[in-house]
Amino acid sequence: NGNGDPNIDTRKDCVSRNPVDVCIPFDYDAAMQIFRDKEDYELNWAMQ
């Protein structure tokens, strides 16, 4: 991690200590792009 300590796992509460800054939207069309069309939806979204 930023302090040089091993970053292995969350604590017992399972709360993320590494939240995303921007949540990529996920809906029916996104699921179809991933599973039906075999597209890299996240990479395409990030490029846009």
ModelCIF file with pLDDT and N, C-alpha, C, O atoms, coordinates in Angstrom:
data_MODEL
#
_entry.id   MODEL 
#
_entity.id                         1 
_entity.type                       polymer 
_entity.pdbx_number_of_molecules   1 
#
_entity_poly.entity_id                      1 
_entity_poly.type                           'polypeptide(L)' 
_entity_poly.nstd_linkage                   no 
_entity_poly.nstd_monomer                   no 
_entity_poly.pdbx_seq_one_letter_code       NGNGDPNIDTRKDCVSRNPVDVCIPFDYDAAMQIFRDKEDYELNWAMQ 
_entity_poly.pdbx_seq_one_letter_code_can   NGNGDPNIDTRKDCVSRNPVDVCIPFDYDAAMQIFRDKEDYELNWAMQ 
_entity_poly.pdbx_strand_id                 A 
#
loop_
_entity_poly_seq.entity_id 
_entity_poly_seq.num 
_entity_poly_seq.mon_id 
_entity_poly_seq.hetero 
1 1  ASN n 
1 2  GLY n 
1 3  ASN n 
1 4  GLY n 
1 5  ASP n 
1 6  PRO n 
1 7  ASN n 
1 8  ILE n 
1 9  ASP n 
1 10 THR n 
1 11 ARG n 
1 12 LYS n 
1 13 ASP n 
1 14 CYS n 
1 15 VAL n 
1 16 SER n 
1 17 ARG n 
1 18 ASN n 
1 19 PRO n 
1 20 VAL n 
1 21 ASP n 
1 22 VAL n 
1 23 CYS n 
1 24 ILE n 
1 25 PRO n 
1 26 PHE n 
1 27 ASP n 
1 28 TYR n 
1 29 ASP n 
1 30 ALA n 
1 31 ALA n 
1 32 MET n 
1 33 GLN n 
1 34 ILE n 
1 35 PHE n 
1 36 ARG n 
1 37 ASP n 
1 38 LYS n 
1 39 GLU n 
1 40 ASP n 
1 41 TYR n 
1 42 GLU n 
1 43 LEU n 
1 44 ASN n 
1 45 TRP n 
1 46 ALA n 
1 47 MET n 
1 48 GLN n 
#
_struct_asym.id          A 
_struct_asym.entity_id   1 
#
loop_
_ma_qa_metric.id 
_ma_qa_metric.mode 
_ma_qa_metric.name 
_ma_qa_metric.software_group_id 
_ma_qa_metric.type 
1 global pLDDT . pLDDT 
2 local  pLDDT . pLDDT 
#
_ma_qa_metric_global.metric_id      1 
_ma_qa_metric_global.metric_value   83.69 
_ma_qa_metric_global.model_id       1 
_ma_qa_metric_global.ordinal_id     1 
#
loop_
_ma_qa_metric_local.label_asym_id 
_ma_qa_metric_local.label_comp_id 
_ma_qa_metric_local.label_seq_id 
_ma_qa_metric_local.metric_id 
_ma_qa_metric_local.metric_value 
_ma_qa_metric_local.model_id 
_ma_qa_metric_local.ordinal_id 
A ASN 1  2 72.00 1 1  
A GLY 2  2 76.00 1 2  
A ASN 3  2 82.00 1 3  
A GLY 4  2 79.00 1 4  
A ASP 5  2 76.00 1 5  
A PRO 6  2 70.00 1 6  
A ASN 7  2 67.00 1 7  
A ILE 8  2 59.00 1 8  
A ASP 9  2 58.00 1 9  
A THR 10 2 59.00 1 10 
A ARG 11 2 65.00 1 11 
A LYS 12 2 69.00 1 12 
A ASP 13 2 72.00 1 13 
A CYS 14 2 67.00 1 14 
A VAL 15 2 69.00 1 15 
A SER 16 2 68.00 1 16 
A ARG 17 2 67.00 1 17 
A ASN 18 2 70.00 1 18 
A PRO 19 2 76.00 1 19 
A VAL 20 2 83.00 1 20 
A ASP 21 2 87.00 1 21 
A VAL 22 2 90.00 1 22 
A CYS 23 2 92.00 1 23 
A ILE 24 2 94.00 1 24 
A PRO 25 2 94.00 1 25 
A PHE 26 2 94.00 1 26 
A ASP 27 2 95.00 1 27 
A TYR 28 2 96.00 1 28 
A ASP 29 2 95.00 1 29 
A ALA 30 2 95.00 1 30 
A ALA 31 2 95.00 1 31 
A MET 32 2 95.00 1 32 
A GLN 33 2 94.00 1 33 
A ILE 34 2 94.00 1 34 
A PHE 35 2 94.00 1 35 
A ARG 36 2 95.00 1 36 
A ASP 37 2 95.00 1 37 
A LYS 38 2 93.00 1 38 
A GLU 39 2 93.00 1 39 
A ASP 40 2 93.00 1 40 
A TYR 41 2 94.00 1 41 
A GLU 42 2 92.00 1 42 
A LEU 43 2 92.00 1 43 
A ASN 44 2 93.00 1 44 
A TRP 45 2 94.00 1 45 
A ALA 46 2 91.00 1 46 
A MET 47 2 92.00 1 47 
A GLN 48 2 92.00 1 48 
#
loop_
_atom_site.group_PDB 
_atom_site.id 
_atom_site.type_symbol 
_atom_site.label_atom_id 
_atom_site.label_alt_id 
_atom_site.label_comp_id 
_atom_site.label_asym_id 
_atom_site.label_entity_id 
_atom_site.label_seq_id 
_atom_site.pdbx_PDB_ins_code 
_atom_site.Cartn_x 
_atom_site.Cartn_y 
_atom_site.Cartn_z 
_atom_site.occupancy 
_atom_site.B_iso_or_equiv 
_atom_site.pdbx_formal_charge 
_atom_site.auth_seq_id 
_atom_site.auth_comp_id 
_atom_site.auth_asym_id 
_atom_site.auth_atom_id 
_atom_site.pdbx_PDB_model_num 
ATOM 1   N N  . ASN A 1 1  ? 0.841   -1.189  0.000   1.00 72.00 ? 1  ASN A N  1 
ATOM 2   C CA . ASN A 1 1  ? 0.000   0.000   0.000   1.00 72.00 ? 1  ASN A CA 1 
ATOM 3   C C  . ASN A 1 1  ? 0.883   1.249   0.000   1.00 72.00 ? 1  ASN A C  1 
ATOM 4   O O  . ASN A 1 1  ? 2.105   1.141   -0.103  1.00 72.00 ? 1  ASN A O  1 
ATOM 5   N N  . GLY A 1 2  ? 0.281   2.417   0.113   1.00 76.00 ? 2  GLY A N  1 
ATOM 6   C CA . GLY A 1 2  ? 1.027   3.667   0.075   1.00 76.00 ? 2  GLY A CA 1 
ATOM 7   C C  . GLY A 1 2  ? 2.032   3.833   1.194   1.00 76.00 ? 2  GLY A C  1 
ATOM 8   O O  . GLY A 1 2  ? 2.961   4.630   1.074   1.00 76.00 ? 2  GLY A O  1 
ATOM 9   N N  . ASN A 1 3  ? 1.865   3.092   2.287   1.00 82.00 ? 3  ASN A N  1 
ATOM 10  C CA . ASN A 1 3  ? 2.802   3.169   3.411   1.00 82.00 ? 3  ASN A CA 1 
ATOM 11  C C  . ASN A 1 3  ? 3.886   2.109   3.339   1.00 82.00 ? 3  ASN A C  1 
ATOM 12  O O  . ASN A 1 3  ? 4.736   2.026   4.226   1.00 82.00 ? 3  ASN A O  1 
ATOM 13  N N  . GLY A 1 4  ? 3.863   1.294   2.285   1.00 79.00 ? 4  GLY A N  1 
ATOM 14  C CA . GLY A 1 4  ? 4.854   0.231   2.153   1.00 79.00 ? 4  GLY A CA 1 
ATOM 15  C C  . GLY A 1 4  ? 4.498   -1.040  2.904   1.00 79.00 ? 4  GLY A C  1 
ATOM 16  O O  . GLY A 1 4  ? 5.323   -1.949  3.002   1.00 79.00 ? 4  GLY A O  1 
ATOM 17  N N  . ASP A 1 5  ? 3.276   -1.122  3.440   1.00 76.00 ? 5  ASP A N  1 
ATOM 18  C CA . ASP A 1 5  ? 2.831   -2.325  4.142   1.00 76.00 ? 5  ASP A CA 1 
ATOM 19  C C  . ASP A 1 5  ? 2.184   -3.283  3.143   1.00 76.00 ? 5  ASP A C  1 
ATOM 20  O O  . ASP A 1 5  ? 1.575   -2.830  2.174   1.00 76.00 ? 5  ASP A O  1 
ATOM 21  N N  . PRO A 1 6  ? 2.302   -4.598  3.356   1.00 70.00 ? 6  PRO A N  1 
ATOM 22  C CA . PRO A 1 6  ? 1.641   -5.543  2.456   1.00 70.00 ? 6  PRO A CA 1 
ATOM 23  C C  . PRO A 1 6  ? 0.133   -5.309  2.417   1.00 70.00 ? 6  PRO A C  1 
ATOM 24  O O  . PRO A 1 6  ? -0.511  -5.190  3.459   1.00 70.00 ? 6  PRO A O  1 
ATOM 25  N N  . ASN A 1 7  ? -0.414  -5.246  1.225   1.00 67.00 ? 7  ASN A N  1 
ATOM 26  C CA . ASN A 1 7  ? -1.847  -5.056  1.015   1.00 67.00 ? 7  ASN A CA 1 
ATOM 27  C C  . ASN A 1 7  ? -2.382  -6.378  0.494   1.00 67.00 ? 7  ASN A C  1 
ATOM 28  O O  . ASN A 1 7  ? -2.342  -6.635  -0.709  1.00 67.00 ? 7  ASN A O  1 
ATOM 29  N N  . ILE A 1 8  ? -2.880  -7.212  1.384   1.00 59.00 ? 8  ILE A N  1 
ATOM 30  C CA . ILE A 1 8  ? -3.252  -8.572  1.027   1.00 59.00 ? 8  ILE A CA 1 
ATOM 31  C C  . ILE A 1 8  ? -4.763  -8.752  0.991   1.00 59.00 ? 8  ILE A C  1 
ATOM 32  O O  . ILE A 1 8  ? -5.289  -9.345  0.050   1.00 59.00 ? 8  ILE A O  1 
ATOM 33  N N  . ASP A 1 9  ? -5.456  -8.261  1.979   1.00 58.00 ? 9  ASP A N  1 
ATOM 34  C CA . ASP A 1 9  ? -6.858  -8.616  2.114   1.00 58.00 ? 9  ASP A CA 1 
ATOM 35  C C  . ASP A 1 9  ? -7.572  -7.530  2.905   1.00 58.00 ? 9  ASP A C  1 
ATOM 36  O O  . ASP A 1 9  ? -6.940  -6.659  3.503   1.00 58.00 ? 9  ASP A O  1 
ATOM 37  N N  . THR A 1 10 ? -8.883  -7.597  2.898   1.00 59.00 ? 10 THR A N  1 
ATOM 38  C CA . THR A 1 10 ? -9.657  -6.701  3.754   1.00 59.00 ? 10 THR A CA 1 
ATOM 39  C C  . THR A 1 10 ? -9.645  -7.239  5.174   1.00 59.00 ? 10 THR A C  1 
ATOM 40  O O  . THR A 1 10 ? -9.126  -8.322  5.447   1.00 59.00 ? 10 THR A O  1 
ATOM 41  N N  . ARG A 1 11 ? -10.215 -6.474  6.050   1.00 65.00 ? 11 ARG A N  1 
ATOM 42  C CA . ARG A 1 11 ? -10.361 -6.934  7.424   1.00 65.00 ? 11 ARG A CA 1 
ATOM 43  C C  . ARG A 1 11 ? -11.615 -7.788  7.537   1.00 65.00 ? 11 ARG A C  1 
ATOM 44  O O  . ARG A 1 11 ? -12.256 -8.079  6.527   1.00 65.00 ? 11 ARG A O  1 
ATOM 45  N N  . LYS A 1 12 ? -11.975 -8.195  8.749   1.00 69.00 ? 12 LYS A N  1 
ATOM 46  C CA . LYS A 1 12 ? -13.122 -9.084  8.951   1.00 69.00 ? 12 LYS A CA 1 
ATOM 47  C C  . LYS A 1 12 ? -14.430 -8.489  8.452   1.00 69.00 ? 12 LYS A C  1 
ATOM 48  O O  . LYS A 1 12 ? -15.349 -9.235  8.115   1.00 69.00 ? 12 LYS A O  1 
ATOM 49  N N  . ASP A 1 13 ? -14.540 -7.144  8.396   1.00 72.00 ? 13 ASP A N  1 
ATOM 50  C CA . ASP A 1 13 ? -15.797 -6.533  7.971   1.00 72.00 ? 13 ASP A CA 1 
ATOM 51  C C  . ASP A 1 13 ? -16.016 -6.594  6.458   1.00 72.00 ? 13 ASP A C  1 
ATOM 52  O O  . ASP A 1 13 ? -17.107 -6.274  5.985   1.00 72.00 ? 13 ASP A O  1 
ATOM 53  N N  . CYS A 1 14 ? -15.004 -6.996  5.696   1.00 67.00 ? 14 CYS A N  1 
ATOM 54  C CA . CYS A 1 14 ? -15.082 -7.122  4.230   1.00 67.00 ? 14 CYS A CA 1 
ATOM 55  C C  . CYS A 1 14 ? -15.427 -5.813  3.531   1.00 67.00 ? 14 CYS A C  1 
ATOM 56  O O  . CYS A 1 14 ? -15.972 -5.832  2.427   1.00 67.00 ? 14 CYS A O  1 
ATOM 57  N N  . VAL A 1 15 ? -15.121 -4.678  4.154   1.00 69.00 ? 15 VAL A N  1 
ATOM 58  C CA . VAL A 1 15 ? -15.347 -3.372  3.549   1.00 69.00 ? 15 VAL A CA 1 
ATOM 59  C C  . VAL A 1 15 ? -14.135 -3.005  2.717   1.00 69.00 ? 15 VAL A C  1 
ATOM 60  O O  . VAL A 1 15 ? -12.997 -3.123  3.171   1.00 69.00 ? 15 VAL A O  1 
ATOM 61  N N  . SER A 1 16 ? -14.386 -2.560  1.497   1.00 68.00 ? 16 SER A N  1 
ATOM 62  C CA . SER A 1 16 ? -13.294 -2.189  0.608   1.00 68.00 ? 16 SER A CA 1 
ATOM 63  C C  . SER A 1 16 ? -12.534 -0.991  1.149   1.00 68.00 ? 16 SER A C  1 
ATOM 64  O O  . SER A 1 16 ? -13.143 -0.002  1.557   1.00 68.00 ? 16 SER A O  1 
ATOM 65  N N  . ARG A 1 17 ? -11.242 -1.068  1.157   1.00 67.00 ? 17 ARG A N  1 
ATOM 66  C CA . ARG A 1 17 ? -10.395 0.065   1.525   1.00 67.00 ? 17 ARG A CA 1 
ATOM 67  C C  . ARG A 1 17 ? -9.875  0.756   0.267   1.00 67.00 ? 17 ARG A C  1 
ATOM 68  O O  . ARG A 1 17 ? -9.131  1.733   0.349   1.00 67.00 ? 17 ARG A O  1 
ATOM 69  N N  . ASN A 1 18 ? -10.279 0.235   -0.912  1.00 70.00 ? 18 ASN A N  1 
ATOM 70  C CA . ASN A 1 18 ? -9.839  0.772   -2.201  1.00 70.00 ? 18 ASN A CA 1 
ATOM 71  C C  . ASN A 1 18 ? -11.046 1.058   -3.089  1.00 70.00 ? 18 ASN A C  1 
ATOM 72  O O  . ASN A 1 18 ? -11.253 0.366   -4.086  1.00 70.00 ? 18 ASN A O  1 
ATOM 73  N N  . PRO A 1 19 ? -11.847 2.070   -2.744  1.00 76.00 ? 19 PRO A N  1 
ATOM 74  C CA . PRO A 1 19 ? -13.044 2.337   -3.545  1.00 76.00 ? 19 PRO A CA 1 
ATOM 75  C C  . PRO A 1 19 ? -12.681 2.916   -4.914  1.00 76.00 ? 19 PRO A C  1 
ATOM 76  O O  . PRO A 1 19 ? -11.629 3.532   -5.084  1.00 76.00 ? 19 PRO A O  1 
ATOM 77  N N  . VAL A 1 20 ? -13.571 2.708   -5.881  1.00 83.00 ? 20 VAL A N  1 
ATOM 78  C CA . VAL A 1 20 ? -13.356 3.309   -7.195  1.00 83.00 ? 20 VAL A CA 1 
ATOM 79  C C  . VAL A 1 20 ? -13.718 4.785   -7.132  1.00 83.00 ? 20 VAL A C  1 
ATOM 80  O O  . VAL A 1 20 ? -14.559 5.199   -6.334  1.00 83.00 ? 20 VAL A O  1 
ATOM 81  N N  . ASP A 1 21 ? -13.075 5.570   -7.984  1.00 87.00 ? 21 ASP A N  1 
ATOM 82  C CA . ASP A 1 21 ? -13.406 6.996   -8.101  1.00 87.00 ? 21 ASP A CA 1 
ATOM 83  C C  . ASP A 1 21 ? -14.606 7.188   -9.028  1.00 87.00 ? 21 ASP A C  1 
ATOM 84  O O  . ASP A 1 21 ? -15.445 8.061   -8.803  1.00 87.00 ? 21 ASP A O  1 
ATOM 85  N N  . VAL A 1 22 ? -14.675 6.370   -10.062 1.00 90.00 ? 22 VAL A N  1 
ATOM 86  C CA . VAL A 1 22 ? -15.756 6.448   -11.037 1.00 90.00 ? 22 VAL A CA 1 
ATOM 87  C C  . VAL A 1 22 ? -16.325 5.048   -11.221 1.00 90.00 ? 22 VAL A C  1 
ATOM 88  O O  . VAL A 1 22 ? -15.598 4.117   -11.569 1.00 90.00 ? 22 VAL A O  1 
ATOM 89  N N  . CYS A 1 23 ? -17.611 4.902   -10.991 1.00 92.00 ? 23 CYS A N  1 
ATOM 90  C CA . CYS A 1 23 ? -18.262 3.598   -11.149 1.00 92.00 ? 23 CYS A CA 1 
ATOM 91  C C  . CYS A 1 23 ? -18.715 3.455   -12.599 1.00 92.00 ? 23 CYS A C  1 
ATOM 92  O O  . CYS A 1 23 ? -19.478 4.284   -13.096 1.00 92.00 ? 23 CYS A O  1 
ATOM 93  N N  . ILE A 1 24 ? -18.246 2.403   -13.282 1.00 94.00 ? 24 ILE A N  1 
ATOM 94  C CA . ILE A 1 24 ? -18.637 2.138   -14.658 1.00 94.00 ? 24 ILE A CA 1 
ATOM 95  C C  . ILE A 1 24 ? -20.080 1.630   -14.637 1.00 94.00 ? 24 ILE A C  1 
ATOM 96  O O  . ILE A 1 24 ? -20.384 0.671   -13.927 1.00 94.00 ? 24 ILE A O  1 
ATOM 97  N N  . PRO A 1 25 ? -20.968 2.259   -15.403 1.00 94.00 ? 25 PRO A N  1 
ATOM 98  C CA . PRO A 1 25 ? -22.364 1.830   -15.384 1.00 94.00 ? 25 PRO A CA 1 
ATOM 99  C C  . PRO A 1 25 ? -22.517 0.421   -15.939 1.00 94.00 ? 25 PRO A C  1 
ATOM 100 O O  . PRO A 1 25 ? -21.857 0.045   -16.908 1.00 94.00 ? 25 PRO A O  1 
ATOM 101 N N  . PHE A 1 26 ? -23.395 -0.349  -15.311 1.00 94.00 ? 26 PHE A N  1 
ATOM 102 C CA . PHE A 1 26 ? -23.635 -1.723  -15.744 1.00 94.00 ? 26 PHE A CA 1 
ATOM 103 C C  . PHE A 1 26 ? -25.128 -1.946  -15.872 1.00 94.00 ? 26 PHE A C  1 
ATOM 104 O O  . PHE A 1 26 ? -25.870 -1.844  -14.895 1.00 94.00 ? 26 PHE A O  1 
ATOM 105 N N  . ASP A 1 27 ? -25.563 -2.252  -17.089 1.00 95.00 ? 27 ASP A N  1 
ATOM 106 C CA . ASP A 1 27 ? -26.974 -2.493  -17.349 1.00 95.00 ? 27 ASP A CA 1 
ATOM 107 C C  . ASP A 1 27 ? -27.103 -3.655  -18.339 1.00 95.00 ? 27 ASP A C  1 
ATOM 108 O O  . ASP A 1 27 ? -26.125 -4.345  -18.625 1.00 95.00 ? 27 ASP A O  1 
ATOM 109 N N  . TYR A 1 28 ? -28.304 -3.861  -18.852 1.00 96.00 ? 28 TYR A N  1 
ATOM 110 C CA . TYR A 1 28 ? -28.554 -4.960  -19.780 1.00 96.00 ? 28 TYR A CA 1 
ATOM 111 C C  . TYR A 1 28 ? -27.628 -4.886  -20.989 1.00 96.00 ? 28 TYR A C  1 
ATOM 112 O O  . TYR A 1 28 ? -27.038 -5.892  -21.384 1.00 96.00 ? 28 TYR A O  1 
ATOM 113 N N  . ASP A 1 29 ? -27.498 -3.689  -21.581 1.00 95.00 ? 29 ASP A N  1 
ATOM 114 C CA . ASP A 1 29 ? -26.648 -3.541  -22.764 1.00 95.00 ? 29 ASP A CA 1 
ATOM 115 C C  . ASP A 1 29 ? -25.189 -3.869  -22.455 1.00 95.00 ? 29 ASP A C  1 
ATOM 116 O O  . ASP A 1 29 ? -24.502 -4.485  -23.270 1.00 95.00 ? 29 ASP A O  1 
ATOM 117 N N  . ALA A 1 30 ? -24.723 -3.461  -21.290 1.00 95.00 ? 30 ALA A N  1 
ATOM 118 C CA . ALA A 1 30 ? -23.352 -3.785  -20.890 1.00 95.00 ? 30 ALA A CA 1 
ATOM 119 C C  . ALA A 1 30 ? -23.174 -5.291  -20.754 1.00 95.00 ? 30 ALA A C  1 
ATOM 120 O O  . ALA A 1 30 ? -22.167 -5.843  -21.199 1.00 95.00 ? 30 ALA A O  1 
ATOM 121 N N  . ALA A 1 31 ? -24.140 -5.950  -20.146 1.00 95.00 ? 31 ALA A N  1 
ATOM 122 C CA . ALA A 1 31 ? -24.063 -7.404  -19.984 1.00 95.00 ? 31 ALA A CA 1 
ATOM 123 C C  . ALA A 1 31 ? -24.033 -8.104  -21.340 1.00 95.00 ? 31 ALA A C  1 
ATOM 124 O O  . ALA A 1 31 ? -23.296 -9.073  -21.524 1.00 95.00 ? 31 ALA A O  1 
ATOM 125 N N  . MET A 1 32 ? -24.827 -7.618  -22.285 1.00 95.00 ? 32 MET A N  1 
ATOM 126 C CA . MET A 1 32 ? -24.844 -8.216  -23.626 1.00 95.00 ? 32 MET A CA 1 
ATOM 127 C C  . MET A 1 32 ? -23.509 -8.012  -24.337 1.00 95.00 ? 32 MET A C  1 
ATOM 128 O O  . MET A 1 32 ? -23.030 -8.909  -25.031 1.00 95.00 ? 32 MET A O  1 
ATOM 129 N N  . GLN A 1 33 ? -22.906 -6.835  -24.164 1.00 94.00 ? 33 GLN A N  1 
ATOM 130 C CA . GLN A 1 33 ? -21.597 -6.594  -24.772 1.00 94.00 ? 33 GLN A CA 1 
ATOM 131 C C  . GLN A 1 33 ? -20.548 -7.550  -24.213 1.00 94.00 ? 33 GLN A C  1 
ATOM 132 O O  . GLN A 1 33 ? -19.685 -8.036  -24.945 1.00 94.00 ? 33 GLN A O  1 
ATOM 133 N N  . ILE A 1 34 ? -20.629 -7.814  -22.913 1.00 94.00 ? 34 ILE A N  1 
ATOM 134 C CA . ILE A 1 34 ? -19.638 -8.685  -22.269 1.00 94.00 ? 34 ILE A CA 1 
ATOM 135 C C  . ILE A 1 34 ? -19.886 -10.151 -22.628 1.00 94.00 ? 34 ILE A C  1 
ATOM 136 O O  . ILE A 1 34 ? -18.974 -10.830 -23.099 1.00 94.00 ? 34 ILE A O  1 
ATOM 137 N N  . PHE A 1 35 ? -21.093 -10.640 -22.412 1.00 94.00 ? 35 PHE A N  1 
ATOM 138 C CA . PHE A 1 35 ? -21.357 -12.069 -22.502 1.00 94.00 ? 35 PHE A CA 1 
ATOM 139 C C  . PHE A 1 35 ? -21.785 -12.533 -23.893 1.00 94.00 ? 35 PHE A C  1 
ATOM 140 O O  . PHE A 1 35 ? -21.385 -13.614 -24.325 1.00 94.00 ? 35 PHE A O  1 
ATOM 141 N N  . ARG A 1 36 ? -22.579 -11.752 -24.590 1.00 95.00 ? 36 ARG A N  1 
ATOM 142 C CA . ARG A 1 36 ? -23.026 -12.167 -25.917 1.00 95.00 ? 36 ARG A CA 1 
ATOM 143 C C  . ARG A 1 36 ? -21.998 -11.805 -26.987 1.00 95.00 ? 36 ARG A C  1 
ATOM 144 O O  . ARG A 1 36 ? -21.633 -12.627 -27.827 1.00 95.00 ? 36 ARG A O  1 
ATOM 145 N N  . ASP A 1 37 ? -21.532 -10.525 -26.932 1.00 95.00 ? 37 ASP A N  1 
ATOM 146 C CA . ASP A 1 37 ? -20.644 -10.027 -27.980 1.00 95.00 ? 37 ASP A CA 1 
ATOM 147 C C  . ASP A 1 37 ? -19.172 -10.269 -27.687 1.00 95.00 ? 37 ASP A C  1 
ATOM 148 O O  . ASP A 1 37 ? -18.319 -10.036 -28.544 1.00 95.00 ? 37 ASP A O  1 
ATOM 149 N N  . LYS A 1 38 ? -18.865 -10.739 -26.465 1.00 93.00 ? 38 LYS A N  1 
ATOM 150 C CA . LYS A 1 38 ? -17.484 -11.033 -26.050 1.00 93.00 ? 38 LYS A CA 1 
ATOM 151 C C  . LYS A 1 38 ? -16.567 -9.811  -26.175 1.00 93.00 ? 38 LYS A C  1 
ATOM 152 O O  . LYS A 1 38 ? -15.388 -9.945  -26.504 1.00 93.00 ? 38 LYS A O  1 
ATOM 153 N N  . GLU A 1 39 ? -17.116 -8.618  -25.910 1.00 93.00 ? 39 GLU A N  1 
ATOM 154 C CA . GLU A 1 39 ? -16.341 -7.380  -25.955 1.00 93.00 ? 39 GLU A CA 1 
ATOM 155 C C  . GLU A 1 39 ? -15.722 -7.094  -24.584 1.00 93.00 ? 39 GLU A C  1 
ATOM 156 O O  . GLU A 1 39 ? -16.213 -7.559  -23.555 1.00 93.00 ? 39 GLU A O  1 
ATOM 157 N N  . ASP A 1 40 ? -14.659 -6.337  -24.593 1.00 93.00 ? 40 ASP A N  1 
ATOM 158 C CA . ASP A 1 40 ? -14.047 -5.890  -23.336 1.00 93.00 ? 40 ASP A CA 1 
ATOM 159 C C  . ASP A 1 40 ? -14.732 -4.581  -22.955 1.00 93.00 ? 40 ASP A C  1 
ATOM 160 O O  . ASP A 1 40 ? -14.216 -3.493  -23.214 1.00 93.00 ? 40 ASP A O  1 
ATOM 161 N N  . TYR A 1 41 ? -15.889 -4.707  -22.345 1.00 94.00 ? 41 TYR A N  1 
ATOM 162 C CA . TYR A 1 41 ? -16.735 -3.553  -22.023 1.00 94.00 ? 41 TYR A CA 1 
ATOM 163 C C  . TYR A 1 41 ? -16.003 -2.536  -21.161 1.00 94.00 ? 41 TYR A C  1 
ATOM 164 O O  . TYR A 1 41 ? -16.077 -1.336  -21.422 1.00 94.00 ? 41 TYR A O  1 
ATOM 165 N N  . GLU A 1 42 ? -15.296 -3.002  -20.135 1.00 92.00 ? 42 GLU A N  1 
ATOM 166 C CA . GLU A 1 42 ? -14.606 -2.078  -19.229 1.00 92.00 ? 42 GLU A CA 1 
ATOM 167 C C  . GLU A 1 42 ? -13.506 -1.305  -19.948 1.00 92.00 ? 42 GLU A C  1 
ATOM 168 O O  . GLU A 1 42 ? -13.366 -0.098  -19.751 1.00 92.00 ? 42 GLU A O  1 
ATOM 169 N N  . LEU A 1 43 ? -12.729 -1.990  -20.776 1.00 92.00 ? 43 LEU A N  1 
ATOM 170 C CA . LEU A 1 43 ? -11.673 -1.305  -21.523 1.00 92.00 ? 43 LEU A CA 1 
ATOM 171 C C  . LEU A 1 43 ? -12.262 -0.303  -22.506 1.00 92.00 ? 43 LEU A C  1 
ATOM 172 O O  . LEU A 1 43 ? -11.767 0.819   -22.612 1.00 92.00 ? 43 LEU A O  1 
ATOM 173 N N  . ASN A 1 44 ? -13.315 -0.691  -23.229 1.00 93.00 ? 44 ASN A N  1 
ATOM 174 C CA . ASN A 1 44 ? -13.964 0.242   -24.163 1.00 93.00 ? 44 ASN A CA 1 
ATOM 175 C C  . ASN A 1 44 ? -14.507 1.460   -23.429 1.00 93.00 ? 44 ASN A C  1 
ATOM 176 O O  . ASN A 1 44 ? -14.375 2.590   -23.901 1.00 93.00 ? 44 ASN A O  1 
ATOM 177 N N  . TRP A 1 45 ? -15.123 1.223   -22.263 1.00 94.00 ? 45 TRP A N  1 
ATOM 178 C CA . TRP A 1 45 ? -15.654 2.332   -21.472 1.00 94.00 ? 45 TRP A CA 1 
ATOM 179 C C  . TRP A 1 45 ? -14.516 3.251   -21.024 1.00 94.00 ? 45 TRP A C  1 
ATOM 180 O O  . TRP A 1 45 ? -14.635 4.474   -21.101 1.00 94.00 ? 45 TRP A O  1 
ATOM 181 N N  . ALA A 1 46 ? -13.414 2.660   -20.557 1.00 91.00 ? 46 ALA A N  1 
ATOM 182 C CA . ALA A 1 46 ? -12.284 3.456   -20.081 1.00 91.00 ? 46 ALA A CA 1 
ATOM 183 C C  . ALA A 1 46 ? -11.684 4.292   -21.209 1.00 91.00 ? 46 ALA A C  1 
ATOM 184 O O  . ALA A 1 46 ? -11.319 5.448   -20.996 1.00 91.00 ? 46 ALA A O  1 
ATOM 185 N N  . MET A 1 47 ? -11.579 3.720   -22.397 1.00 92.00 ? 47 MET A N  1 
ATOM 186 C CA . MET A 1 47 ? -11.035 4.475   -23.532 1.00 92.00 ? 47 MET A CA 1 
ATOM 187 C C  . MET A 1 47 ? -11.933 5.659   -23.872 1.00 92.00 ? 47 MET A C  1 
ATOM 188 O O  . MET A 1 47 ? -11.442 6.756   -24.139 1.00 92.00 ? 47 MET A O  1 
ATOM 189 N N  . GLN A 1 48 ? -13.256 5.441   -23.862 1.00 92.00 ? 48 GLN A N  1 
ATOM 190 C CA . GLN A 1 48 ? -14.195 6.536   -24.117 1.00 92.00 ? 48 GLN A CA 1 
ATOM 191 C C  . GLN A 1 48 ? -14.109 7.594   -23.014 1.00 92.00 ? 48 GLN A C  1 
ATOM 192 O O  . GLN A 1 48 ? -14.828 8.593   -23.059 1.00 92.00 ? 48 GLN A O  1 
#
